[in-house]
């Protein structure tokens, strides 16, 4: 790897730790959700609301973060995010009432939503075009790694007695505090600095990471900032908005968050013991991590579009088989685990690896913060809806779970068609070129 790419890689790894916390916070609840339901004697409705309270926070966090990130910079917002992660982990672990538990989980959700806006946007802005997909996908890899670590942590802490759930939630505070201090090692985004007129400072950062003509790149970036006063919803960015909305919506219509949040419960519905139901999600997490790495390695070669189409077809088939198993109540051997691991395999290298890369690419510099917020908001809005509805639809019966997985399967078949017909390929193009290509009434720069 080129020395300058190593610099970008180092910064990206630190920034992507926000993804680790995002993933850990998302999945850790799967190990405690049944305990929380029993501890506070929750009905299916209040159970769904309590577990999705963090996702309500993510919707708000994603919605409100783009503007301050554009106004004050990416780095100050990341410090706030790290603090919120730590506060949520410690607070939810010490909660003694349902209200306080919901509040602290909501705070964690704010951090997750904000992280999903700022970290991928920052990584895309410091990465050269030829490695941007790979570097931005590091965020998703860390999300998956965080999910896997949450599953492993839950498994080993599950025998900790009546307070095991507190340890499961509280351990997240350790990486959150580490993230806060590691952020001192990364600079501000050079594109943000140029936007604020700090050209010399931006040039110093670009010289560390770019191999092309720095002065020409600064001129391109400055030119892209001339649209600063344009509103995201002016009509000029309709295609970018549509792509971000659709890739985020379909990501959640794959059922990924329902599976991550309720994995042990899904396996229990198939007749497995409580211990086996807590352990089998580790296989899902490991598969997720392994094939996210595959997606990360090939995304800049194969391209975003092909990965999405192949993955969508594979997910549709696997989810259809899961639905069939629930409808027929046919759970011989490890069939359900096999189908779900197959689904995760296709999810990980396709929509899992692509979503944050694509959303961070399709908006011009002048509205990238607003656009990233819109994409993240869409993702978390549908995540909250599905996570809230899944226990209500699935209930305690296999038939309800069959309906849910059948819906997810149909949505993935639809995603394959939409991506094939509508989505452009973005690999190998600079952010400035993409902004011009996808913005209405602006001259496009042809990319070789």
Protein backbone atom coordinates (compact mmCIF):
# COMPACT_ATOMS: atom_id res chain seq x y z
CA UNK A 1 0.00 0.00 0.00
CA UNK A 2 1.31 3.47 -0.95
CA UNK A 3 2.54 5.59 2.02
CA UNK A 4 -0.13 8.20 1.37
CA UNK A 5 -2.82 5.51 1.28
CA UNK A 6 -1.44 4.24 4.61
CA UNK A 7 -2.05 7.71 6.07
CA UNK A 8 -5.63 7.69 4.80
CA UNK A 9 -6.05 4.13 6.08
CA UNK A 10 -4.85 5.11 9.57
CA UNK A 11 -7.21 8.07 9.79
CA UNK A 12 -10.08 6.03 8.36
CA UNK A 13 -9.58 3.24 10.91
CA UNK A 14 -9.85 5.72 13.78
CA UNK A 15 -12.91 7.40 12.29
CA UNK A 16 -14.48 4.03 11.57
CA UNK A 17 -14.34 3.19 15.29
CA UNK A 18 -17.55 5.21 15.36
CA UNK A 19 -18.89 2.37 13.21
CA UNK A 20 -17.69 -0.19 15.77
CA UNK A 21 -19.68 1.59 18.49
CA UNK A 22 -22.63 1.92 16.10
CA UNK A 23 -22.58 -1.86 15.49
CA UNK A 24 -22.00 -2.81 19.12
CA UNK A 25 -24.80 -0.56 20.31
CA UNK A 26 -27.14 -1.94 17.65
CA UNK A 27 -26.56 -5.62 18.40
CA UNK A 28 -25.89 -5.64 22.15
CA UNK A 29 -29.61 -5.20 22.85
CA UNK A 30 -30.31 -8.65 21.35
CA UNK A 31 -28.78 -10.26 24.44
CA UNK A 32 -30.82 -8.27 26.94
CA UNK A 33 -34.17 -7.67 25.23
CA UNK A 34 -35.89 -10.72 26.78
CA UNK A 35 -34.55 -9.84 30.25
CA UNK A 36 -35.77 -6.25 29.84
CA UNK A 37 -39.20 -7.51 28.78
CA UNK A 38 -39.47 -9.70 31.89
CA UNK A 39 -37.86 -7.18 34.27
CA UNK A 40 -40.31 -4.42 33.40
CA UNK A 41 -43.23 -6.76 32.51
CA UNK A 42 -43.65 -5.30 29.02
CA UNK A 43 -46.49 -6.00 26.59
CA UNK A 44 -45.48 -6.70 22.95
CA UNK A 45 -46.23 -3.06 22.12
CA UNK A 46 -44.09 -1.61 24.93
CA UNK A 47 -41.44 -4.23 24.32
CA UNK A 48 -41.15 -3.11 20.69
CA UNK A 49 -41.12 0.56 21.74
CA UNK A 50 -38.43 0.03 24.39
CA UNK A 51 -36.12 -1.89 22.09
CA UNK A 52 -36.66 0.58 19.24
CA UNK A 53 -36.12 3.64 21.51
CA UNK A 54 -32.47 3.69 20.46
CA UNK A 55 -33.57 3.68 16.83
CA UNK A 56 -35.88 6.62 17.45
CA UNK A 57 -32.73 8.39 18.66
CA UNK A 58 -30.88 7.40 15.52
CA UNK A 59 -33.60 8.92 13.33
CA UNK A 60 -33.30 12.24 15.18
CA UNK A 61 -29.49 12.05 15.36
CA UNK A 62 -29.24 11.47 11.63
CA UNK A 63 -31.71 14.25 10.87
CA UNK A 64 -30.07 17.00 12.95
CA UNK A 65 -26.36 16.27 12.41
CA UNK A 66 -25.73 17.31 8.80
CA UNK A 67 -26.15 21.05 9.35
CA UNK A 68 -23.83 21.41 12.39
CA UNK A 69 -21.27 19.16 10.65
CA UNK A 70 -21.33 21.55 7.68
CA UNK A 71 -21.21 24.62 9.95
CA UNK A 72 -18.71 23.64 12.65
CA UNK A 73 -16.75 20.84 10.99
CA UNK A 74 -16.73 17.06 11.08
CA UNK A 75 -14.24 16.67 13.94
CA UNK A 76 -16.03 18.60 16.75
CA UNK A 77 -19.22 16.61 16.07
CA UNK A 78 -17.27 13.34 16.31
CA UNK A 79 -16.06 14.29 19.80
CA UNK A 80 -19.66 14.85 20.88
CA UNK A 81 -20.65 11.49 19.36
CA UNK A 82 -17.95 9.66 21.35
CA UNK A 83 -19.14 11.31 24.57
CA UNK A 84 -22.77 10.33 23.88
CA UNK A 85 -21.78 6.69 23.26
CA UNK A 86 -19.98 6.55 26.62
CA UNK A 87 -22.84 8.25 28.49
CA UNK A 88 -25.40 5.88 26.97
CA UNK A 89 -23.42 2.73 27.78
CA UNK A 90 -22.84 3.66 31.41
CA UNK A 91 -26.29 5.16 31.93
CA UNK A 92 -28.28 2.26 30.46
CA UNK A 93 -26.19 -0.25 32.45
CA UNK A 94 -27.02 1.57 35.70
CA UNK A 95 -30.71 2.24 34.86
CA UNK A 96 -33.19 1.26 37.58
CA UNK A 97 -36.41 2.23 35.82
CA UNK A 98 -37.93 1.76 32.40
CA UNK A 99 -37.93 5.52 31.76
CA UNK A 100 -34.22 5.94 32.54
CA UNK A 101 -33.38 2.88 30.44
CA UNK A 102 -35.30 4.28 27.47
CA UNK A 103 -33.66 7.71 27.89
CA UNK A 104 -30.11 6.35 27.91
CA UNK A 105 -30.79 4.01 24.99
CA UNK A 106 -32.24 7.02 23.15
CA UNK A 107 -28.99 8.95 23.82
CA UNK A 108 -27.03 6.04 22.36
CA UNK A 109 -29.31 6.17 19.36
CA UNK A 110 -28.51 9.86 18.85
CA UNK A 111 -24.82 8.92 18.73
CA UNK A 112 -25.42 6.08 16.26
CA UNK A 113 -27.48 8.30 13.94
CA UNK A 114 -24.95 11.13 14.08
CA UNK A 115 -22.04 8.73 13.53
CA UNK A 116 -23.71 7.30 10.43
CA UNK A 117 -23.80 10.82 8.99
CA UNK A 118 -20.41 12.24 9.91
CA UNK A 119 -17.94 9.34 9.81
CA UNK A 120 -18.64 8.05 6.26
CA UNK A 121 -18.85 11.63 4.97
CA UNK A 122 -15.49 12.49 6.54
CA UNK A 123 -13.80 9.32 5.25
CA UNK A 124 -15.07 9.92 1.71
CA UNK A 125 -13.70 13.48 1.83
CA UNK A 126 -10.15 12.46 2.80
CA UNK A 127 -9.91 9.46 0.45
CA UNK A 128 -8.50 9.54 -3.12
CA UNK A 129 -11.05 8.38 -5.72
CA UNK A 130 -9.28 5.08 -6.48
CA UNK A 131 -9.57 3.84 -2.86
CA UNK A 132 -12.61 5.80 -1.65
CA UNK A 133 -14.99 2.84 -1.75
CA UNK A 134 -12.59 0.66 0.21
CA UNK A 135 -11.85 3.32 2.83
CA UNK A 136 -15.48 4.33 3.33
CA UNK A 137 -16.47 0.67 3.55
CA UNK A 138 -14.13 0.42 6.56
CA UNK A 139 -16.92 2.15 8.43
CA UNK A 140 -19.31 -0.67 7.55
CA UNK A 141 -16.66 -3.28 8.40
CA UNK A 142 -16.34 -1.74 11.85
CA UNK A 143 -20.13 -1.75 12.19
CA UNK A 144 -20.05 -5.49 11.52
CA UNK A 145 -17.05 -6.04 13.79
CA UNK A 146 -18.92 -4.20 16.54
CA UNK A 147 -21.95 -6.42 15.99
CA UNK A 148 -19.79 -9.56 16.21
CA UNK A 149 -18.09 -8.34 19.40
CA UNK A 150 -21.51 -7.57 20.92
CA UNK A 151 -22.69 -11.12 20.19
CA UNK A 152 -19.50 -12.65 21.62
CA UNK A 153 -19.62 -10.35 24.64
CA UNK A 154 -23.28 -11.22 25.25
CA UNK A 155 -22.51 -14.93 25.04
CA UNK A 156 -19.69 -14.80 27.60
CA UNK A 157 -21.51 -12.42 29.95
CA UNK A 158 -24.87 -14.21 29.77
CA UNK A 159 -24.02 -16.42 32.77
CA UNK A 160 -23.33 -13.42 34.99
CA UNK A 161 -26.47 -13.77 37.08
CA UNK A 162 -29.35 -11.32 37.44
CA UNK A 163 -27.15 -8.32 36.57
CA UNK A 164 -25.63 -9.89 33.44
CA UNK A 165 -27.63 -7.49 31.27
CA UNK A 166 -25.99 -4.51 32.98
CA UNK A 167 -22.51 -5.78 32.15
CA UNK A 168 -23.56 -6.50 28.56
CA UNK A 169 -24.62 -2.87 28.09
CA UNK A 170 -21.94 -1.20 30.20
CA UNK A 171 -18.88 -2.76 28.54
CA UNK A 172 -19.46 -0.49 25.52
CA UNK A 173 -18.17 2.42 27.59
CA UNK A 174 -14.56 1.17 27.21
CA UNK A 175 -14.26 1.54 23.39
CA UNK A 176 -16.34 4.75 23.53
CA UNK A 177 -13.80 6.44 25.82
CA UNK A 178 -10.92 5.12 23.69
CA UNK A 179 -12.58 6.56 20.57
CA UNK A 180 -12.83 10.01 22.18
CA UNK A 181 -9.08 10.21 22.79
CA UNK A 182 -8.06 8.67 19.45
CA UNK A 183 -9.96 11.43 17.62
CA UNK A 184 -7.20 13.87 18.63
CA UNK A 185 -4.95 12.07 16.10
CA UNK A 186 -7.05 12.94 13.00
CA UNK A 187 -7.22 16.32 11.18
CA UNK A 188 -10.27 18.20 10.00
CA UNK A 189 -11.70 17.40 6.55
CA UNK A 190 -9.75 19.32 3.87
CA UNK A 191 -12.96 19.95 1.93
CA UNK A 192 -14.54 21.55 5.00
CA UNK A 193 -11.42 23.68 5.52
CA UNK A 194 -11.57 24.89 1.89
CA UNK A 195 -15.23 25.70 2.40
CA UNK A 196 -14.21 27.90 5.36
CA UNK A 197 -11.41 29.58 3.38
CA UNK A 198 -8.55 27.83 5.23
CA UNK A 199 -6.73 26.96 2.02
CA UNK A 200 -3.19 26.61 3.41
CA UNK A 201 -4.32 24.25 6.16
CA UNK A 202 -6.34 22.17 3.68
CA UNK A 203 -3.39 22.05 1.27
CA UNK A 204 -1.14 20.68 4.03
CA UNK A 205 -3.59 17.82 4.64
CA UNK A 206 -4.12 17.08 0.92
CA UNK A 207 -0.35 16.86 0.40
CA UNK A 208 -0.28 13.97 2.87
CA UNK A 209 -2.95 11.95 1.08
CA UNK A 210 -3.13 12.90 -2.63
CA UNK A 211 -0.79 11.92 -5.48
CA UNK A 212 -2.40 14.19 -8.11
CA UNK A 213 -2.03 17.96 -8.67
CA UNK A 214 -3.04 19.49 -5.32
CA UNK A 215 -3.60 23.01 -6.67
CA UNK A 216 -5.87 21.72 -9.45
CA UNK A 217 -7.85 19.70 -6.91
CA UNK A 218 -8.28 22.73 -4.65
CA UNK A 219 -9.60 24.72 -7.62
CA UNK A 220 -12.11 21.92 -8.39
CA UNK A 221 -13.26 21.81 -4.78
CA UNK A 222 -13.59 25.60 -4.60
CA UNK A 223 -15.65 25.57 -7.81
CA UNK A 224 -17.97 22.93 -6.34
CA UNK A 225 -18.53 25.19 -3.32
CA UNK A 226 -20.05 27.92 -5.50
CA UNK A 227 -23.43 26.17 -5.13
CA UNK A 228 -23.29 26.74 -1.37
CA UNK A 229 -26.57 28.66 -1.23
CA UNK A 230 -28.50 25.98 -3.11
CA UNK A 231 -31.07 24.05 -1.08
CA UNK A 232 -30.94 20.26 -1.17
CA UNK A 233 -34.58 20.13 -2.27
CA UNK A 234 -34.27 22.81 -4.97
CA UNK A 235 -34.94 20.20 -7.65
CA UNK A 236 -31.37 20.07 -8.89
CA UNK A 237 -30.42 17.08 -6.75
CA UNK A 238 -33.44 14.87 -7.42
CA UNK A 239 -31.43 11.91 -8.69
CA UNK A 240 -28.97 12.03 -5.78
CA UNK A 241 -31.87 12.21 -3.32
CA UNK A 242 -33.63 9.27 -4.99
CA UNK A 243 -30.51 7.08 -4.92
CA UNK A 244 -29.76 7.86 -1.26
CA UNK A 245 -33.40 7.29 -0.24
CA UNK A 246 -33.74 4.01 -2.13
CA UNK A 247 -30.45 2.43 -1.05
CA UNK A 248 -31.19 3.34 2.59
CA UNK A 249 -34.81 2.14 2.46
CA UNK A 250 -33.99 -1.18 0.81
CA UNK A 251 -31.14 -1.74 3.26
CA UNK A 252 -33.71 -1.91 6.06
CA UNK A 253 -36.36 -3.71 4.00
CA UNK A 254 -33.84 -6.55 3.85
CA UNK A 255 -34.77 -7.16 7.49
CA UNK A 256 -31.20 -6.79 8.74
CA UNK A 257 -31.99 -4.85 11.91
CA UNK A 258 -34.90 -7.09 12.86
CA UNK A 259 -32.55 -10.07 12.57
CA UNK A 260 -29.71 -8.38 14.48
CA UNK A 261 -31.98 -7.14 17.27
CA UNK A 262 -34.01 -10.32 17.70
CA UNK A 263 -31.61 -13.08 16.56
CA UNK A 264 -31.79 -15.17 19.77
CA UNK A 265 -35.60 -14.89 19.80
CA UNK A 266 -35.80 -15.98 16.15
CA UNK A 267 -33.74 -19.08 16.91
CA UNK A 268 -35.85 -19.82 20.01
CA UNK A 269 -38.99 -19.71 17.84
CA UNK A 270 -37.43 -22.52 15.82
CA UNK A 271 -37.22 -24.67 18.96
CA UNK A 272 -33.59 -24.16 20.02
CA UNK A 273 -32.64 -23.91 23.70
CA UNK A 274 -31.90 -20.52 25.24
CA UNK A 275 -28.14 -21.22 25.34
CA UNK A 276 -27.97 -22.30 21.69
CA UNK A 277 -30.10 -19.29 20.73
CA UNK A 278 -27.56 -16.96 22.34
CA UNK A 279 -24.60 -18.67 20.66
CA UNK A 280 -25.84 -19.06 17.08
CA UNK A 281 -25.90 -15.28 16.40
CA UNK A 282 -22.10 -15.44 16.80
CA UNK A 283 -22.03 -17.46 13.54
CA UNK A 284 -24.14 -14.75 11.91
CA UNK A 285 -21.81 -12.03 13.19
CA UNK A 286 -18.69 -13.88 12.02
CA UNK A 287 -20.16 -14.42 8.54
CA UNK A 288 -21.15 -10.77 8.40
CA UNK A 289 -17.60 -9.69 9.22
CA UNK A 290 -15.89 -12.08 6.80
CA UNK A 291 -18.00 -11.17 3.78
CA UNK A 292 -17.97 -7.45 4.58
CA UNK A 293 -14.19 -7.72 4.20
CA UNK A 294 -14.78 -9.37 0.82
CA UNK A 295 -17.06 -6.49 -0.19
CA UNK A 296 -14.48 -3.99 1.04
CA UNK A 297 -11.72 -5.61 -1.04
CA UNK A 298 -13.68 -5.76 -4.31
CA UNK A 299 -15.95 -2.68 -4.16
CA UNK A 300 -13.48 -0.44 -6.06
CA UNK A 301 -12.89 -3.14 -8.71
CA UNK A 302 -16.32 -4.69 -9.25
CA UNK A 303 -18.27 -1.50 -8.54
CA UNK A 304 -21.23 -0.65 -6.33
CA UNK A 305 -23.99 -1.56 -8.79
CA UNK A 306 -22.97 -5.16 -9.52
CA UNK A 307 -22.51 -5.92 -5.82
CA UNK A 308 -26.01 -4.63 -5.06
CA UNK A 309 -27.68 -6.66 -7.83
CA UNK A 310 -25.95 -9.97 -7.02
CA UNK A 311 -26.49 -9.51 -3.30
CA UNK A 312 -30.16 -8.65 -3.70
CA UNK A 313 -30.87 -11.81 -5.68
CA UNK A 314 -29.04 -13.97 -3.14
CA UNK A 315 -30.84 -12.34 -0.20
CA UNK A 316 -34.24 -12.76 -1.85
CA UNK A 317 -33.65 -16.51 -2.22
CA UNK A 318 -32.33 -17.05 1.32
CA UNK A 319 -35.07 -14.96 2.95
CA UNK A 320 -37.68 -16.86 0.94
CA UNK A 321 -36.28 -20.13 2.31
CA UNK A 322 -36.43 -18.74 5.89
CA UNK A 323 -40.07 -17.74 5.34
CA UNK A 324 -40.85 -21.21 3.97
CA UNK A 325 -39.25 -22.85 7.02
CA UNK A 326 -41.46 -20.79 9.36
CA UNK A 327 -44.62 -21.39 7.33
CA UNK A 328 -44.04 -25.14 7.28
CA UNK A 329 -42.48 -25.14 10.78
CA UNK A 330 -39.69 -27.21 9.27
CA UNK A 331 -36.54 -26.72 11.37
CA UNK A 332 -34.57 -29.89 10.81
CA UNK A 333 -30.97 -29.75 12.00
CA UNK A 334 -29.37 -26.39 11.34
CA UNK A 335 -31.49 -25.42 8.33
CA UNK A 336 -32.60 -22.08 9.78
CA UNK A 337 -29.04 -21.16 10.75
CA UNK A 338 -27.84 -22.18 7.26
CA UNK A 339 -30.45 -19.99 5.51
CA UNK A 340 -29.80 -16.99 7.76
CA UNK A 341 -26.03 -17.29 7.39
CA UNK A 342 -26.56 -17.43 3.61
CA UNK A 343 -28.66 -14.28 3.80
CA UNK A 344 -26.00 -12.51 5.88
CA UNK A 345 -23.32 -13.60 3.40
CA UNK A 346 -25.12 -11.87 0.51
CA UNK A 347 -26.09 -8.85 2.66
CA UNK A 348 -22.55 -8.26 3.90
CA UNK A 349 -20.73 -7.93 0.56
CA UNK A 350 -23.58 -6.05 -1.15
CA UNK A 351 -25.91 -3.58 0.52
CA UNK A 352 -24.01 -3.84 3.80
CA UNK A 353 -20.74 -2.77 2.18
CA UNK A 354 -22.27 -0.33 -0.32
CA UNK A 355 -24.84 1.75 1.59
CA UNK A 356 -22.61 4.25 3.40
CA UNK A 357 -20.20 4.45 0.47
CA UNK A 358 -22.93 5.30 -2.03
CA UNK A 359 -24.74 7.82 0.17
CA UNK A 360 -21.47 9.67 0.84
CA UNK A 361 -20.65 9.78 -2.90
CA UNK A 362 -23.80 10.93 -4.68
CA UNK A 363 -24.14 14.46 -3.23
CA UNK A 364 -22.00 17.48 -4.27
CA UNK A 365 -19.72 19.18 -1.72
CA UNK A 366 -22.15 22.08 -1.33
CA UNK A 367 -24.95 19.89 0.08
CA UNK A 368 -23.12 16.73 1.19
CA UNK A 369 -23.89 17.24 4.89
CA UNK A 370 -27.60 17.69 4.17
CA UNK A 371 -27.59 14.75 1.76
CA UNK A 372 -25.80 12.42 4.16
CA UNK A 373 -28.33 13.39 6.83
CA UNK A 374 -31.20 12.58 4.47
CA UNK A 375 -29.78 9.15 3.59
CA UNK A 376 -29.01 8.29 7.21
CA UNK A 377 -32.40 9.58 8.37
CA UNK A 378 -34.14 7.35 5.79
CA UNK A 379 -32.09 4.33 6.91
CA UNK A 380 -32.85 4.85 10.60
CA UNK A 381 -36.50 5.79 10.09
CA UNK A 382 -37.21 2.45 8.41
CA UNK A 383 -34.97 0.65 10.92
CA UNK A 384 -37.06 2.04 13.77
CA UNK A 385 -40.34 1.12 12.07
CA UNK A 386 -39.26 -2.46 11.29
CA UNK A 387 -37.66 -3.05 14.70
CA UNK A 388 -40.82 -1.79 16.39
CA UNK A 389 -43.16 -3.86 14.23
CA UNK A 390 -41.19 -7.12 14.04
CA UNK A 391 -42.05 -8.45 17.54
CA UNK A 392 -45.66 -7.39 17.01
CA UNK A 393 -45.93 -9.18 13.63
CA UNK A 394 -43.83 -12.20 14.61
CA UNK A 395 -45.21 -12.47 18.15
CA UNK A 396 -44.60 -15.93 19.55
CA UNK A 397 -45.76 -17.75 16.43
CA UNK A 398 -43.87 -19.14 13.45
CA UNK A 399 -46.58 -17.98 11.00
CA UNK A 400 -46.02 -14.32 11.90
CA UNK A 401 -42.27 -14.73 11.37
CA UNK A 402 -43.04 -16.33 7.99
CA UNK A 403 -45.00 -13.22 6.92
CA UNK A 404 -42.12 -10.95 7.98
CA UNK A 405 -39.44 -12.90 6.11
CA UNK A 406 -41.63 -13.24 3.01
CA UNK A 407 -41.96 -9.44 2.93
CA UNK A 408 -38.17 -9.03 3.25
CA UNK A 409 -37.63 -11.51 0.39
CA UNK A 410 -39.98 -9.66 -1.96
CA UNK A 411 -38.28 -6.35 -1.15
CA UNK A 412 -34.86 -7.73 -2.08
CA UNK A 413 -36.16 -8.98 -5.44
CA UNK A 414 -37.53 -5.48 -6.03
CA UNK A 415 -34.21 -3.89 -5.05
CA UNK A 416 -32.37 -5.94 -7.70
CA UNK A 417 -34.70 -4.54 -10.39
CA UNK A 418 -34.49 -0.93 -9.14
CA UNK A 419 -30.67 -0.95 -8.95
CA UNK A 420 -30.38 -2.54 -12.41
CA UNK A 421 -32.72 -0.01 -14.02
CA UNK A 422 -31.96 3.18 -12.12
CA UNK A 423 -28.64 3.29 -10.24
CA UNK A 424 -25.44 4.69 -11.83
CA UNK A 425 -21.95 3.27 -11.24
CA UNK A 426 -19.78 5.59 -9.10
CA UNK A 427 -16.47 3.71 -8.81
CA UNK A 428 -13.28 5.54 -9.76
CA UNK A 429 -14.85 9.00 -10.08
CA UNK A 430 -13.94 12.02 -7.95
CA UNK A 431 -16.58 13.46 -5.64
CA UNK A 432 -16.55 16.66 -7.67
CA UNK A 433 -17.19 14.80 -10.96
CA UNK A 434 -19.98 12.75 -9.40
CA UNK A 435 -21.59 15.91 -8.03
CA UNK A 436 -21.71 17.37 -11.54
CA UNK A 437 -22.86 14.17 -13.24
CA UNK A 438 -25.77 13.64 -10.86
CA UNK A 439 -26.89 17.27 -10.51
CA UNK A 440 -29.51 18.52 -12.95
CA UNK A 441 -28.61 21.34 -15.33
CA UNK A 442 -24.90 21.25 -14.48
CA UNK A 443 -22.27 20.40 -17.11
CA UNK A 444 -20.82 16.92 -16.55
CA UNK A 445 -17.12 16.18 -16.58
CA UNK A 446 -16.43 13.04 -18.56
CA UNK A 447 -14.40 10.53 -16.58
CA UNK A 448 -12.12 8.16 -18.42
